[in-house]
Each structure stands twice: as C-alpha cells, then as structure tokens.
Amino acid sequence: MNQYNQYNEQFASAARQFADTAAQVNQLALQNAEKVFALQMTTLEENVNAAFAFFGQVTETRDNDGYKSLWPKGVQVARENVERSINAGQEAFAATLKTNEAIGQIAKGQIEAATEQAKDVAAKAAKSTTRKG
C-alpha cells in the first residue's frame, strides 16, 4: 500500500507541475498576443491618421497645380504606411520568436525535471526490489 501512495503522490506532483507549466505557457502566449495586437492597432491608427490627413489636403485643393503637388505627398504617405506596417510585422515576429524561445526553455526545464524524477523513482524501485530479494 505504501508503494501505491508513493506512486499516487508522484502522479499528483506531476499533474501539479503540468498545470503550473501550462499556466506559465498560457500567460506568455497571452502576453505576446496582447503585445502583437497593441502593435498592430497602433500601426493601423497611425496609417489611418496619415491617410485621412492626406485626404484632407486633397479635399482642400482647388486647382491643377495643387493636385500636381499632392502626388509626391501621396506617394510619401503610402510609402510611410508600408514601412510602418513592415516594421510592425517584424516587431511582432521578433516578439513571437522571443516568446516561443521562452516557452521552449520552460518545456526543456520540465523535461529535465521529469527525467530526474523518473531516475529517482527508478533508483528507489531498484533499491526496494533488492532489499526484498
């Protein structure tokens, strides 16, 4: 019966460790999703503001010369919007990569801990078998 309690205790401990690890991983993933969402929303807001500012200039223009001068400004606004979007994508990718590395380190630590625990259990089982035999 003692060995049954020992296995039950080890199983409960492993289940707690798994739940703790899952909570850590979920927290990291959620934090990353929040960062990426905030980054994308900020970029979208900046792009929309730039586009509306440009369209405001377009509506105020009254002659052909004014429209001709707007062409380079429109190209600049479009280019800056694309650059902001690319930079946001790169930042999001870097943040996600960093989060995945952190999750990988957590998993590695859990695997190492489980391996050590399994070695301890095997060693205890081997000792108890040799004592009885």
C-alpha atoms as a PDB file:
ATOM      1  CA  MET A   1       0.000   0.000   0.000  1.00  0.00           C
ATOM      2  CA  ASN A   2       2.913   2.302   0.726  1.00  0.00           C
ATOM      3  CA  GLN A   3       4.182   1.969  -2.839  1.00  0.00           C
ATOM      4  CA  TYR A   4       0.689   2.805  -4.147  1.00  0.00           C
ATOM      5  CA  ASN A   5       0.669   6.021  -2.089  1.00  0.00           C
ATOM      6  CA  GLN A   6       4.129   6.861  -3.366  1.00  0.00           C
ATOM      7  CA  TYR A   7       3.024   6.480  -6.999  1.00  0.00           C
ATOM      8  CA  ASN A   8      -0.186   8.408  -6.317  1.00  0.00           C
ATOM      9  CA  GLU A   9       1.805  11.225  -4.714  1.00  0.00           C
ATOM     10  CA  GLN A  10       4.223  11.316  -7.643  1.00  0.00           C
ATOM     11  CA  PHE A  11       1.337  11.410 -10.103  1.00  0.00           C
ATOM     12  CA  ALA A  12      -0.314  14.272  -8.195  1.00  0.00           C
ATOM     13  CA  SER A  13       3.004  16.138  -8.126  1.00  0.00           C
ATOM     14  CA  ALA A  14       3.468  15.636 -11.867  1.00  0.00           C
ATOM     15  CA  ALA A  15      -0.093  16.832 -12.516  1.00  0.00           C
ATOM     16  CA  ARG A  16       0.543  19.982 -10.456  1.00  0.00           C
ATOM     17  CA  GLN A  17       3.780  20.627 -12.324  1.00  0.00           C
ATOM     18  CA  PHE A  18       1.984  20.164 -15.639  1.00  0.00           C
ATOM     19  CA  ALA A  19      -0.777  22.576 -14.596  1.00  0.00           C
ATOM     20  CA  ASP A  20       1.778  25.153 -13.430  1.00  0.00           C
ATOM     21  CA  THR A  21       3.705  24.828 -16.673  1.00  0.00           C
ATOM     22  CA  ALA A  22       0.546  25.114 -18.756  1.00  0.00           C
ATOM     23  CA  ALA A  23      -0.382  28.275 -16.840  1.00  0.00           C
ATOM     24  CA  GLN A  24       3.069  29.772 -17.467  1.00  0.00           C
ATOM     25  CA  VAL A  25       2.917  28.936 -21.169  1.00  0.00           C
ATOM     26  CA  ASN A  26      -0.600  30.334 -21.494  1.00  0.00           C
ATOM     27  CA  GLN A  27       0.437  33.528 -19.704  1.00  0.00           C
ATOM     28  CA  LEU A  28       3.413  34.011 -22.029  1.00  0.00           C
ATOM     29  CA  ALA A  29       1.282  33.333 -25.103  1.00  0.00           C
ATOM     30  CA  LEU A  30      -1.420  35.743 -23.932  1.00  0.00           C
ATOM     31  CA  GLN A  31       1.110  38.477 -23.165  1.00  0.00           C
ATOM     32  CA  ASN A  32       2.607  38.035 -26.619  1.00  0.00           C
ATOM     33  CA  ALA A  33      -0.819  38.180 -28.269  1.00  0.00           C
ATOM     34  CA  GLU A  34      -1.583  41.392 -26.358  1.00  0.00           C
ATOM     35  CA  LYS A  35       1.733  42.948 -27.452  1.00  0.00           C
ATOM     36  CA  VAL A  36       1.228  41.992 -31.075  1.00  0.00           C
ATOM     37  CA  PHE A  37      -2.397  43.195 -31.089  1.00  0.00           C
ATOM     38  CA  ALA A  38      -1.425  46.534 -29.499  1.00  0.00           C
ATOM     39  CA  LEU A  39       1.400  46.946 -32.001  1.00  0.00           C
ATOM     40  CA  GLN A  40      -0.871  46.212 -34.953  1.00  0.00           C
ATOM     41  CA  MET A  41      -3.583  48.548 -33.648  1.00  0.00           C
ATOM     42  CA  THR A  42      -1.066  51.366 -33.124  1.00  0.00           C
ATOM     43  CA  THR A  43       0.270  50.895 -36.639  1.00  0.00           C
ATOM     44  CA  LEU A  44      -3.226  50.820 -38.096  1.00  0.00           C
ATOM     45  CA  GLU A  45      -4.130  54.000 -36.213  1.00  0.00           C
ATOM     46  CA  GLU A  46      -1.010  55.801 -37.469  1.00  0.00           C
ATOM     47  CA  ASN A  47      -1.656  54.671 -41.045  1.00  0.00           C
ATOM     48  CA  VAL A  48      -5.308  55.745 -40.938  1.00  0.00           C
ATOM     49  CA  ASN A  49      -4.402  59.121 -39.438  1.00  0.00           C
ATOM     50  CA  ALA A  50      -1.797  59.710 -42.154  1.00  0.00           C
ATOM     51  CA  ALA A  51      -4.240  58.696 -44.894  1.00  0.00           C
ATOM     52  CA  PHE A  52      -7.022  60.935 -43.557  1.00  0.00           C
ATOM     53  CA  ALA A  53      -4.614  63.858 -43.205  1.00  0.00           C
ATOM     54  CA  PHE A  54      -3.629  63.386 -46.840  1.00  0.00           C
ATOM     55  CA  PHE A  55      -7.249  63.103 -47.978  1.00  0.00           C
ATOM     56  CA  GLY A  56      -7.958  66.297 -46.028  1.00  0.00           C
ATOM     57  CA  GLN A  57      -5.319  68.037 -48.124  1.00  0.00           C
ATOM     58  CA  VAL A  58      -6.844  66.582 -51.282  1.00  0.00           C
ATOM     59  CA  THR A  59     -10.293  67.977 -50.444  1.00  0.00           C
ATOM     60  CA  GLU A  60      -8.810  71.431 -49.793  1.00  0.00           C
ATOM     61  CA  THR A  61      -7.015  71.555 -53.136  1.00  0.00           C
ATOM     62  CA  ARG A  62      -8.739  73.734 -55.723  1.00  0.00           C
ATOM     63  CA  ASP A  63      -6.533  73.808 -58.825  1.00  0.00           C
ATOM     64  CA  ASN A  64      -4.426  71.572 -61.063  1.00  0.00           C
ATOM     65  CA  ASP A  65      -1.133  72.848 -59.657  1.00  0.00           C
ATOM     66  CA  GLY A  66      -2.325  71.883 -56.192  1.00  0.00           C
ATOM     67  CA  TYR A  67      -3.169  68.383 -57.373  1.00  0.00           C
ATOM     68  CA  LYS A  68       0.237  68.058 -59.036  1.00  0.00           C
ATOM     69  CA  SER A  69       1.953  68.957 -55.770  1.00  0.00           C
ATOM     70  CA  LEU A  70      -0.125  66.362 -53.911  1.00  0.00           C
ATOM     71  CA  TRP A  71       1.156  63.437 -55.983  1.00  0.00           C
ATOM     72  CA  PRO A  72       4.582  63.264 -54.219  1.00  0.00           C
ATOM     73  CA  LYS A  73       2.887  63.692 -50.835  1.00  0.00           C
ATOM     74  CA  GLY A  74       0.518  60.819 -51.604  1.00  0.00           C
ATOM     75  CA  VAL A  75       3.409  58.590 -52.610  1.00  0.00           C
ATOM     76  CA  GLN A  76       5.249  59.552 -49.411  1.00  0.00           C
ATOM     77  CA  VAL A  77       2.202  58.763 -47.243  1.00  0.00           C
ATOM     78  CA  ALA A  78       1.783  55.385 -48.947  1.00  0.00           C
ATOM     79  CA  ARG A  79       5.485  54.585 -48.555  1.00  0.00           C
ATOM     80  CA  GLU A  80       5.478  55.528 -44.867  1.00  0.00           C
ATOM     81  CA  ASN A  81       2.359  53.443 -44.276  1.00  0.00           C
ATOM     82  CA  VAL A  82       4.002  50.417 -45.897  1.00  0.00           C
ATOM     83  CA  GLU A  83       7.191  50.970 -43.886  1.00  0.00           C
ATOM     84  CA  ARG A  84       5.220  51.198 -40.627  1.00  0.00           C
ATOM     85  CA  SER A  85       3.358  48.012 -41.495  1.00  0.00           C
ATOM     86  CA  ILE A  86       6.562  46.147 -42.341  1.00  0.00           C
ATOM     87  CA  ASN A  87       8.258  47.350 -39.146  1.00  0.00           C
ATOM     88  CA  ALA A  88       5.235  46.309 -37.083  1.00  0.00           C
ATOM     89  CA  GLY A  89       5.293  42.884 -38.728  1.00  0.00           C
ATOM     90  CA  GLN A  90       8.985  42.498 -37.956  1.00  0.00           C
ATOM     91  CA  GLU A  91       8.474  43.569 -34.338  1.00  0.00           C
ATOM     92  CA  ALA A  92       5.566  41.155 -33.984  1.00  0.00           C
ATOM     93  CA  PHE A  93       7.664  38.340 -35.441  1.00  0.00           C
ATOM     94  CA  ALA A  94      10.565  39.136 -33.082  1.00  0.00           C
ATOM     95  CA  ALA A  95       8.256  39.234 -30.054  1.00  0.00           C
ATOM     96  CA  THR A  96       6.652  35.934 -31.049  1.00  0.00           C
ATOM     97  CA  LEU A  97      10.053  34.345 -31.587  1.00  0.00           C
ATOM     98  CA  LYS A  98      11.210  35.541 -28.157  1.00  0.00           C
ATOM     99  CA  THR A  99       8.018  34.169 -26.578  1.00  0.00           C
ATOM    100  CA  ASN A 100       8.466  30.817 -28.313  1.00  0.00           C
ATOM    101  CA  GLU A 101      12.044  30.629 -27.054  1.00  0.00           C
ATOM    102  CA  ALA A 102      10.830  31.287 -23.503  1.00  0.00           C
ATOM    103  CA  ILE A 103       8.182  28.585 -23.884  1.00  0.00           C
ATOM    104  CA  GLY A 104      10.863  26.237 -25.204  1.00  0.00           C
ATOM    105  CA  GLN A 105      13.020  26.911 -22.141  1.00  0.00           C
ATOM    106  CA  ILE A 106      10.076  26.156 -19.858  1.00  0.00           C
ATOM    107  CA  ALA A 107       9.427  22.898 -21.710  1.00  0.00           C
ATOM    108  CA  LYS A 108      13.113  21.975 -21.570  1.00  0.00           C
ATOM    109  CA  GLY A 109      13.155  22.602 -17.823  1.00  0.00           C
ATOM    110  CA  GLN A 110      10.069  20.455 -17.341  1.00  0.00           C
ATOM    111  CA  ILE A 111      11.528  17.609 -19.392  1.00  0.00           C
ATOM    112  CA  GLU A 112      14.764  17.754 -17.416  1.00  0.00           C
ATOM    113  CA  ALA A 113      12.852  17.796 -14.121  1.00  0.00           C
ATOM    114  CA  ALA A 114      10.677  14.871 -15.225  1.00  0.00           C
ATOM    115  CA  THR A 115      13.760  12.916 -16.299  1.00  0.00           C
ATOM    116  CA  GLU A 116      15.415  13.467 -12.919  1.00  0.00           C
ATOM    117  CA  GLN A 117      12.221  12.494 -11.138  1.00  0.00           C
ATOM    118  CA  ALA A 118      11.945   9.319 -13.219  1.00  0.00           C
ATOM    119  CA  LYS A 119      15.558   8.438 -12.419  1.00  0.00           C
ATOM    120  CA  ASP A 120      14.865   8.913  -8.702  1.00  0.00           C
ATOM    121  CA  VAL A 121      11.768   6.703  -8.869  1.00  0.00           C
ATOM    122  CA  ALA A 122      13.669   4.032 -10.774  1.00  0.00           C
ATOM    123  CA  ALA A 123      16.510   4.138  -8.262  1.00  0.00           C
ATOM    124  CA  LYS A 124      14.086   3.848  -5.320  1.00  0.00           C
ATOM    125  CA  ALA A 125      12.260   0.986  -7.019  1.00  0.00           C
ATOM    126  CA  ALA A 126      15.544  -0.811  -7.673  1.00  0.00           C
ATOM    127  CA  LYS A 127      16.585  -0.393  -4.019  1.00  0.00           C
ATOM    128  CA  SER A 128      13.267  -1.665  -2.710  1.00  0.00           C
ATOM    129  CA  THR A 129      13.450  -4.657  -5.038  1.00  0.00           C
ATOM    130  CA  THR A 130      16.969  -5.581  -3.974  1.00  0.00           C
ATOM    131  CA  ARG A 131      16.042  -5.263  -0.273  1.00  0.00           C
ATOM    132  CA  LYS A 132      13.104  -7.618  -0.675  1.00  0.00           C
ATOM    133  CA  GLY A 133      15.011 -10.054  -2.824  1.00  0.00           C
END
